[in-house]
C-alpha atoms as a PDB file:
ATOM      1  CA  UNK A   1     -28.161 -88.957 -61.443  1.00  0.00           C
ATOM      2  CA  UNK A   2     -31.722 -89.857 -59.232  1.00  0.00           C
ATOM      3  CA  UNK A   3     -32.820 -86.568 -58.690  1.00  0.00           C
ATOM      4  CA  UNK A   4     -34.422 -86.263 -62.113  1.00  0.00           C
ATOM      5  CA  UNK A   5     -36.669 -89.477 -61.355  1.00  0.00           C
ATOM      6  CA  UNK A   6     -38.578 -87.019 -57.862  1.00  0.00           C
ATOM      7  CA  UNK A   7     -41.994 -85.946 -59.106  1.00  0.00           C
ATOM      8  CA  UNK A   8     -40.868 -82.551 -59.880  1.00  0.00           C
ATOM      9  CA  UNK A   9     -39.438 -83.360 -62.937  1.00  0.00           C
ATOM     10  CA  UNK A  10     -41.749 -85.156 -64.832  1.00  0.00           C
ATOM     11  CA  UNK A  11     -40.185 -83.572 -68.140  1.00  0.00           C
ATOM     12  CA  UNK A  12     -36.970 -84.899 -67.412  1.00  0.00           C
ATOM     13  CA  UNK A  13     -38.599 -88.490 -67.094  1.00  0.00           C
ATOM     14  CA  UNK A  14     -40.253 -88.034 -70.519  1.00  0.00           C
ATOM     15  CA  UNK A  15     -37.378 -87.495 -72.495  1.00  0.00           C
ATOM     16  CA  UNK A  16     -34.961 -89.996 -70.779  1.00  0.00           C
ATOM     17  CA  UNK A  17     -37.824 -92.774 -71.102  1.00  0.00           C
ATOM     18  CA  UNK A  18     -38.933 -91.770 -75.026  1.00  0.00           C
ATOM     19  CA  UNK A  19     -35.614 -92.035 -75.997  1.00  0.00           C
ATOM     20  CA  UNK A  20     -35.107 -95.228 -74.210  1.00  0.00           C
ATOM     21  CA  UNK A  21     -38.289 -96.272 -76.456  1.00  0.00           C
ATOM     22  CA  UNK A  22     -36.900 -95.005 -79.744  1.00  0.00           C
ATOM     23  CA  UNK A  23     -33.580 -96.811 -79.443  1.00  0.00           C
ATOM     24  CA  UNK A  24     -35.072-100.313 -78.778  1.00  0.00           C
ATOM     25  CA  UNK A  25     -38.193 -99.652 -81.773  1.00  0.00           C
ATOM     26  CA  UNK A  26     -34.929 -98.316 -83.703  1.00  0.00           C
ATOM     27  CA  UNK A  27     -32.632-101.896 -82.668  1.00  0.00           C
ATOM     28  CA  UNK A  28     -36.348-104.171 -83.612  1.00  0.00           C
ATOM     29  CA  UNK A  29     -36.171-101.972 -86.962  1.00  0.00           C
ATOM     30  CA  UNK A  30     -32.770-103.404 -87.494  1.00  0.00           C
ATOM     31  CA  UNK A  31     -33.448-106.798 -86.976  1.00  0.00           C
ATOM     32  CA  UNK A  32     -36.853-106.835 -88.963  1.00  0.00           C
ATOM     33  CA  UNK A  33     -34.990-105.951 -91.832  1.00  0.00           C
ATOM     34  CA  UNK A  34     -37.740-103.557 -92.541  1.00  0.00           C
ATOM     35  CA  UNK A  35     -36.812-101.873 -96.227  1.00  0.00           C
ATOM     36  CA  UNK A  36     -35.849 -97.761 -96.404  1.00  0.00           C
ATOM     37  CA  UNK A  37     -38.918 -96.292 -93.587  1.00  0.00           C
ATOM     38  CA  UNK A  38     -41.328 -98.306 -94.203  1.00  0.00           C
ATOM     39  CA  UNK A  39     -42.089 -98.771 -90.001  1.00  0.00           C
ATOM     40  CA  UNK A  40     -41.423 -95.196 -89.238  1.00  0.00           C
ATOM     41  CA  UNK A  41     -45.056 -93.918 -89.150  1.00  0.00           C
ATOM     42  CA  UNK A  42     -45.874 -97.541 -87.183  1.00  0.00           C
ATOM     43  CA  UNK A  43     -43.128 -96.560 -84.571  1.00  0.00           C
ATOM     44  CA  UNK A  44     -44.514 -93.138 -84.584  1.00  0.00           C
ATOM     45  CA  UNK A  45     -48.098 -94.187 -83.342  1.00  0.00           C
ATOM     46  CA  UNK A  46     -45.903 -96.128 -80.630  1.00  0.00           C
ATOM     47  CA  UNK A  47     -44.838 -92.639 -79.531  1.00  0.00           C
ATOM     48  CA  UNK A  48     -47.714 -90.342 -79.838  1.00  0.00           C
ATOM     49  CA  UNK A  49     -49.491 -93.306 -77.686  1.00  0.00           C
ATOM     50  CA  UNK A  50     -46.469 -93.307 -74.706  1.00  0.00           C
ATOM     51  CA  UNK A  51     -46.681 -89.701 -75.179  1.00  0.00           C
ATOM     52  CA  UNK A  52     -50.497 -89.807 -74.358  1.00  0.00           C
ATOM     53  CA  UNK A  53     -50.240 -91.975 -71.600  1.00  0.00           C
ATOM     54  CA  UNK A  54     -47.362 -91.022 -69.950  1.00  0.00           C
ATOM     55  CA  UNK A  55     -48.999 -87.220 -69.752  1.00  0.00           C
ATOM     56  CA  UNK A  56     -52.682 -88.116 -69.903  1.00  0.00           C
ATOM     57  CA  UNK A  57     -53.801 -86.787 -66.315  1.00  0.00           C
ATOM     58  CA  UNK A  58     -51.721 -82.987 -67.835  1.00  0.00           C
ATOM     59  CA  UNK A  59     -54.123 -83.013 -70.853  1.00  0.00           C
ATOM     60  CA  UNK A  60     -56.908 -83.526 -68.660  1.00  0.00           C
ATOM     61  CA  UNK A  61     -56.240 -81.151 -66.499  1.00  0.00           C
ATOM     62  CA  UNK A  62     -55.387 -78.880 -69.010  1.00  0.00           C
ATOM     63  CA  UNK A  63     -57.755 -75.777 -69.457  1.00  0.00           C
ATOM     64  CA  UNK A  64     -57.022 -72.853 -72.999  1.00  0.00           C
ATOM     65  CA  UNK A  65     -58.283 -69.801 -72.250  1.00  0.00           C
ATOM     66  CA  UNK A  66     -60.180 -68.150 -75.243  1.00  0.00           C
ATOM     67  CA  UNK A  67     -58.504 -64.703 -74.822  1.00  0.00           C
ATOM     68  CA  UNK A  68     -56.207 -63.054 -77.109  1.00  0.00           C
ATOM     69  CA  UNK A  69     -52.983 -61.750 -75.168  1.00  0.00           C
ATOM     70  CA  UNK A  70     -51.546 -58.170 -77.346  1.00  0.00           C
ATOM     71  CA  UNK A  71     -47.747 -58.799 -75.697  1.00  0.00           C
ATOM     72  CA  UNK A  72     -46.917 -63.146 -75.847  1.00  0.00           C
ATOM     73  CA  UNK A  73     -43.803 -64.605 -74.560  1.00  0.00           C
ATOM     74  CA  UNK A  74     -41.257 -64.961 -77.334  1.00  0.00           C
ATOM     75  CA  UNK A  75     -41.210 -68.781 -76.319  1.00  0.00           C
ATOM     76  CA  UNK A  76     -45.256 -68.511 -77.034  1.00  0.00           C
ATOM     77  CA  UNK A  77     -44.584 -66.844 -80.478  1.00  0.00           C
ATOM     78  CA  UNK A  78     -41.321 -69.616 -81.384  1.00  0.00           C
ATOM     79  CA  UNK A  79     -44.616 -72.386 -80.407  1.00  0.00           C
ATOM     80  CA  UNK A  80     -46.822 -70.082 -82.637  1.00  0.00           C
ATOM     81  CA  UNK A  81     -43.971 -70.180 -85.515  1.00  0.00           C
ATOM     82  CA  UNK A  82     -43.025 -72.734 -85.367  1.00  0.00           C
ATOM     83  CA  UNK A  83     -46.613 -74.420 -85.530  1.00  0.00           C
ATOM     84  CA  UNK A  84     -47.521 -72.047 -88.170  1.00  0.00           C
ATOM     85  CA  UNK A  85     -44.819 -73.567 -90.942  1.00  0.00           C
ATOM     86  CA  UNK A  86     -45.377 -77.177 -89.566  1.00  0.00           C
ATOM     87  CA  UNK A  87     -48.831 -76.775 -90.660  1.00  0.00           C
ATOM     88  CA  UNK A  88     -47.758 -75.465 -94.023  1.00  0.00           C
ATOM     89  CA  UNK A  89     -46.119 -78.158 -93.716  1.00  0.00           C
ATOM     90  CA  UNK A  90     -48.278 -80.766 -93.914  1.00  0.00           C
ATOM     91  CA  UNK A  91     -50.629 -78.534 -96.572  1.00  0.00           C
ATOM     92  CA  UNK A  92     -47.091 -79.395 -98.949  1.00  0.00           C
ATOM     93  CA  UNK A  93     -47.704 -83.517 -97.945  1.00  0.00           C
ATOM     94  CA  UNK A  94     -51.564 -82.994 -98.741  1.00  0.00           C
ATOM     95  CA  UNK A  95     -50.573 -81.282-102.441  1.00  0.00           C
ATOM     96  CA  UNK A  96     -47.721 -83.674-103.504  1.00  0.00           C
ATOM     97  CA  UNK A  97     -50.153 -87.043-102.112  1.00  0.00           C
ATOM     98  CA  UNK A  98     -47.934 -88.518 -99.358  1.00  0.00           C
ATOM     99  CA  UNK A  99     -48.812 -91.519 -97.907  1.00  0.00           C
ATOM    100  CA  UNK A 100     -51.993 -90.362 -95.165  1.00  0.00           C
ATOM    101  CA  UNK A 101     -50.557 -91.976 -92.319  1.00  0.00           C
ATOM    102  CA  UNK A 102     -46.840 -90.256 -92.353  1.00  0.00           C
ATOM    103  CA  UNK A 103     -49.490 -87.003 -92.824  1.00  0.00           C
ATOM    104  CA  UNK A 104     -51.806 -88.358 -89.968  1.00  0.00           C
ATOM    105  CA  UNK A 105     -48.709 -89.038 -87.712  1.00  0.00           C
ATOM    106  CA  UNK A 106     -47.001 -85.462 -88.606  1.00  0.00           C
ATOM    107  CA  UNK A 107     -49.693 -83.861 -87.374  1.00  0.00           C
ATOM    108  CA  UNK A 108     -50.472 -85.819 -84.028  1.00  0.00           C
ATOM    109  CA  UNK A 109     -47.019 -85.186 -83.903  1.00  0.00           C
ATOM    110  CA  UNK A 110     -47.591 -81.092 -83.904  1.00  0.00           C
ATOM    111  CA  UNK A 111     -50.865 -81.329 -81.617  1.00  0.00           C
ATOM    112  CA  UNK A 112     -49.146 -82.970 -79.238  1.00  0.00           C
ATOM    113  CA  UNK A 113     -46.311 -80.851 -78.907  1.00  0.00           C
ATOM    114  CA  UNK A 114     -48.215 -78.067 -78.518  1.00  0.00           C
ATOM    115  CA  UNK A 115     -50.025 -79.088 -76.109  1.00  0.00           C
ATOM    116  CA  UNK A 116     -46.811 -80.404 -73.853  1.00  0.00           C
ATOM    117  CA  UNK A 117     -46.264 -76.535 -74.551  1.00  0.00           C
ATOM    118  CA  UNK A 118     -48.490 -75.500 -72.944  1.00  0.00           C
ATOM    119  CA  UNK A 119     -48.242 -78.067 -70.253  1.00  0.00           C
ATOM    120  CA  UNK A 120     -45.732 -77.394 -69.293  1.00  0.00           C
ATOM    121  CA  UNK A 121     -45.815 -73.385 -69.132  1.00  0.00           C
ATOM    122  CA  UNK A 122     -47.071 -72.449 -66.206  1.00  0.00           C
ATOM    123  CA  UNK A 123     -44.451 -74.304 -64.171  1.00  0.00           C
ATOM    124  CA  UNK A 124     -42.306 -71.882 -61.612  1.00  0.00           C
ATOM    125  CA  UNK A 125     -39.646 -75.005 -61.458  1.00  0.00           C
ATOM    126  CA  UNK A 126     -37.311 -72.988 -63.042  1.00  0.00           C
ATOM    127  CA  UNK A 127     -34.149 -74.168 -61.259  1.00  0.00           C
ATOM    128  CA  UNK A 128     -33.991 -76.993 -63.493  1.00  0.00           C
ATOM    129  CA  UNK A 129     -31.344 -80.001 -62.798  1.00  0.00           C
ATOM    130  CA  UNK A 130     -29.606 -80.060 -65.987  1.00  0.00           C
ATOM    131  CA  UNK A 131     -26.141 -80.877 -64.611  1.00  0.00           C
ATOM    132  CA  UNK A 132     -28.185 -84.850 -63.403  1.00  0.00           C
ATOM    133  CA  UNK A 133     -29.974 -84.078 -66.588  1.00  0.00           C
ATOM    134  CA  UNK A 134     -26.515 -84.299 -68.841  1.00  0.00           C
ATOM    135  CA  UNK A 135     -25.391 -87.006 -66.731  1.00  0.00           C
ATOM    136  CA  UNK A 136     -28.066 -89.090 -67.832  1.00  0.00           C
ATOM    137  CA  UNK A 137     -28.085 -88.132 -71.110  1.00  0.00           C
ATOM    138  CA  UNK A 138     -24.738 -88.323 -71.944  1.00  0.00           C
ATOM    139  CA  UNK A 139     -24.320 -92.273 -70.793  1.00  0.00           C
ATOM    140  CA  UNK A 140     -27.088 -92.763 -73.530  1.00  0.00           C
ATOM    141  CA  UNK A 141     -25.046 -91.316 -75.785  1.00  0.00           C
ATOM    142  CA  UNK A 142     -21.890 -93.670 -75.006  1.00  0.00           C
ATOM    143  CA  UNK A 143     -23.803 -96.063 -74.836  1.00  0.00           C
ATOM    144  CA  UNK A 144     -25.188 -95.528 -78.678  1.00  0.00           C
ATOM    145  CA  UNK A 145     -21.384 -94.889 -79.294  1.00  0.00           C
ATOM    146  CA  UNK A 146     -20.097 -97.994 -78.001  1.00  0.00           C
ATOM    147  CA  UNK A 147     -22.756 -99.889 -78.757  1.00  0.00           C
ATOM    148  CA  UNK A 148     -23.210 -99.041 -82.790  1.00  0.00           C
ATOM    149  CA  UNK A 149     -26.774 -98.010 -81.720  1.00  0.00           C
ATOM    150  CA  UNK A 150     -29.030 -95.276 -83.934  1.00  0.00           C
ATOM    151  CA  UNK A 151     -29.428 -92.432 -82.198  1.00  0.00           C
ATOM    152  CA  UNK A 152     -32.673 -91.021 -81.957  1.00  0.00           C
ATOM    153  CA  UNK A 153     -33.111 -87.744 -83.748  1.00  0.00           C
ATOM    154  CA  UNK A 154     -34.436 -86.133 -80.456  1.00  0.00           C
ATOM    155  CA  UNK A 155     -31.315 -87.232 -78.649  1.00  0.00           C
ATOM    156  CA  UNK A 156     -28.729 -85.637 -80.472  1.00  0.00           C
ATOM    157  CA  UNK A 157     -30.849 -82.186 -80.785  1.00  0.00           C
ATOM    158  CA  UNK A 158     -30.950 -82.953 -76.283  1.00  0.00           C
ATOM    159  CA  UNK A 159     -27.302 -82.792 -76.087  1.00  0.00           C
ATOM    160  CA  UNK A 160     -26.363 -80.554 -78.893  1.00  0.00           C
ATOM    161  CA  UNK A 161     -28.888 -78.156 -76.175  1.00  0.00           C
ATOM    162  CA  UNK A 162     -27.545 -79.432 -72.723  1.00  0.00           C
ATOM    163  CA  UNK A 163     -24.024 -78.792 -74.366  1.00  0.00           C
ATOM    164  CA  UNK A 164     -24.254 -75.199 -75.112  1.00  0.00           C
ATOM    165  CA  UNK A 165     -26.499 -75.185 -71.578  1.00  0.00           C
ATOM    166  CA  UNK A 166     -23.442 -76.351 -69.483  1.00  0.00           C
ATOM    167  CA  UNK A 167     -21.219 -73.755 -71.240  1.00  0.00           C
ATOM    168  CA  UNK A 168     -23.700 -71.086 -70.039  1.00  0.00           C
ATOM    169  CA  UNK A 169     -23.286 -72.632 -66.762  1.00  0.00           C
ATOM    170  CA  UNK A 170     -19.623 -72.749 -66.895  1.00  0.00           C
ATOM    171  CA  UNK A 171     -19.917 -76.495 -66.825  1.00  0.00           C
ATOM    172  CA  UNK A 172     -17.075 -76.549 -69.510  1.00  0.00           C
ATOM    173  CA  UNK A 173     -15.888 -80.365 -68.125  1.00  0.00           C
ATOM    174  CA  UNK A 174     -19.705 -81.366 -68.806  1.00  0.00           C
ATOM    175  CA  UNK A 175     -19.694 -79.624 -72.210  1.00  0.00           C
ATOM    176  CA  UNK A 176     -16.033 -81.616 -73.570  1.00  0.00           C
ATOM    177  CA  UNK A 177     -17.705 -84.673 -72.419  1.00  0.00           C
ATOM    178  CA  UNK A 178     -20.842 -84.128 -74.155  1.00  0.00           C
ATOM    179  CA  UNK A 179     -18.825 -83.279 -77.146  1.00  0.00           C
ATOM    180  CA  UNK A 180     -17.119 -86.503 -77.809  1.00  0.00           C
ATOM    181  CA  UNK A 181     -20.590 -88.946 -77.922  1.00  0.00           C
ATOM    182  CA  UNK A 182     -21.899 -85.990 -80.175  1.00  0.00           C
ATOM    183  CA  UNK A 183     -19.345 -85.442 -82.437  1.00  0.00           C
ATOM    184  CA  UNK A 184     -19.065 -89.145 -83.189  1.00  0.00           C
ATOM    185  CA  UNK A 185     -23.128 -89.492 -83.465  1.00  0.00           C
ATOM    186  CA  UNK A 186     -23.734 -86.310 -85.153  1.00  0.00           C
ATOM    187  CA  UNK A 187     -21.579 -87.213 -88.496  1.00  0.00           C
ATOM    188  CA  UNK A 188     -23.152 -90.281 -88.450  1.00  0.00           C
ATOM    189  CA  UNK A 189     -27.064 -88.574 -88.861  1.00  0.00           C
ATOM    190  CA  UNK A 190     -28.589 -86.620 -91.744  1.00  0.00           C
ATOM    191  CA  UNK A 191     -27.200 -83.033 -92.118  1.00  0.00           C
ATOM    192  CA  UNK A 192     -30.273 -81.213 -90.248  1.00  0.00           C
ATOM    193  CA  UNK A 193     -28.283 -82.091 -86.909  1.00  0.00           C
ATOM    194  CA  UNK A 194     -25.307 -79.996 -87.658  1.00  0.00           C
ATOM    195  CA  UNK A 195     -27.972 -76.912 -88.768  1.00  0.00           C
ATOM    196  CA  UNK A 196     -28.924 -77.558 -85.346  1.00  0.00           C
ATOM    197  CA  UNK A 197     -25.772 -77.561 -83.670  1.00  0.00           C
ATOM    198  CA  UNK A 198     -24.827 -74.273 -85.501  1.00  0.00           C
ATOM    199  CA  UNK A 199     -27.791 -72.535 -84.575  1.00  0.00           C
ATOM    200  CA  UNK A 200     -27.707 -73.172 -81.101  1.00  0.00           C
ATOM    201  CA  UNK A 201     -24.364 -71.722 -81.608  1.00  0.00           C
ATOM    202  CA  UNK A 202     -25.689 -68.764 -82.786  1.00  0.00           C
ATOM    203  CA  UNK A 203     -28.197 -68.421 -80.009  1.00  0.00           C
ATOM    204  CA  UNK A 204     -25.341 -68.823 -77.530  1.00  0.00           C
ATOM    205  CA  UNK A 205     -23.067 -66.463 -79.234  1.00  0.00           C
ATOM    206  CA  UNK A 206     -26.564 -63.414 -79.046  1.00  0.00           C
ATOM    207  CA  UNK A 207     -26.901 -64.474 -75.737  1.00  0.00           C
ATOM    208  CA  UNK A 208     -23.172 -63.729 -75.044  1.00  0.00           C
ATOM    209  CA  UNK A 209     -22.515 -60.394 -77.194  1.00  0.00           C
ATOM    210  CA  UNK A 210     -26.677 -59.540 -75.606  1.00  0.00           C
ATOM    211  CA  UNK A 211     -24.620 -57.552 -72.583  1.00  0.00           C
ATOM    212  CA  UNK A 212     -23.476 -55.328 -75.256  1.00  0.00           C
ATOM    213  CA  UNK A 213     -27.198 -54.232 -75.951  1.00  0.00           C
END
């Protein structure tokens, strides 16, 4: 499990640290007893600042090529589509006069997401250590179940992704280990997580049946 903290797995360290930080913020919100989503934009600012600090050197080294490519990879198309629809949702938020702090933090979230994609797009460490990351995320998810902690949305998304990655890599024991805490956590979250789960299942089926096309 300690292998995910090696230098080449910076993205893994970020995922784990980001999830732990969000869990700690949720614990703080519980003890402060804030009403509704009053603290949400301020917690988002903390998470944004953490992300910028974590990847500050990578962001400074980032170079954009001002050249339009005729052929884009499916990853780039996915990110461009996500960025486009996210900007539309922000515009809708402006039209409906949502609080400016929500609109601002949402925009920074989207902008940072696009930057992180470009930072890691050209990395060649395709053989990522999913097994050890799975074990770490499993422990965090199990802790949320045992101690009745509010699981961050990103934790559930990553758990769903890792479950299906373990199926593809024929690591069925890890899949079933994940499914137990995931199923408990997902039913106490919003319905969006179920959409993510079924979307992952759909992508898995596409992957399995792609051999026939």
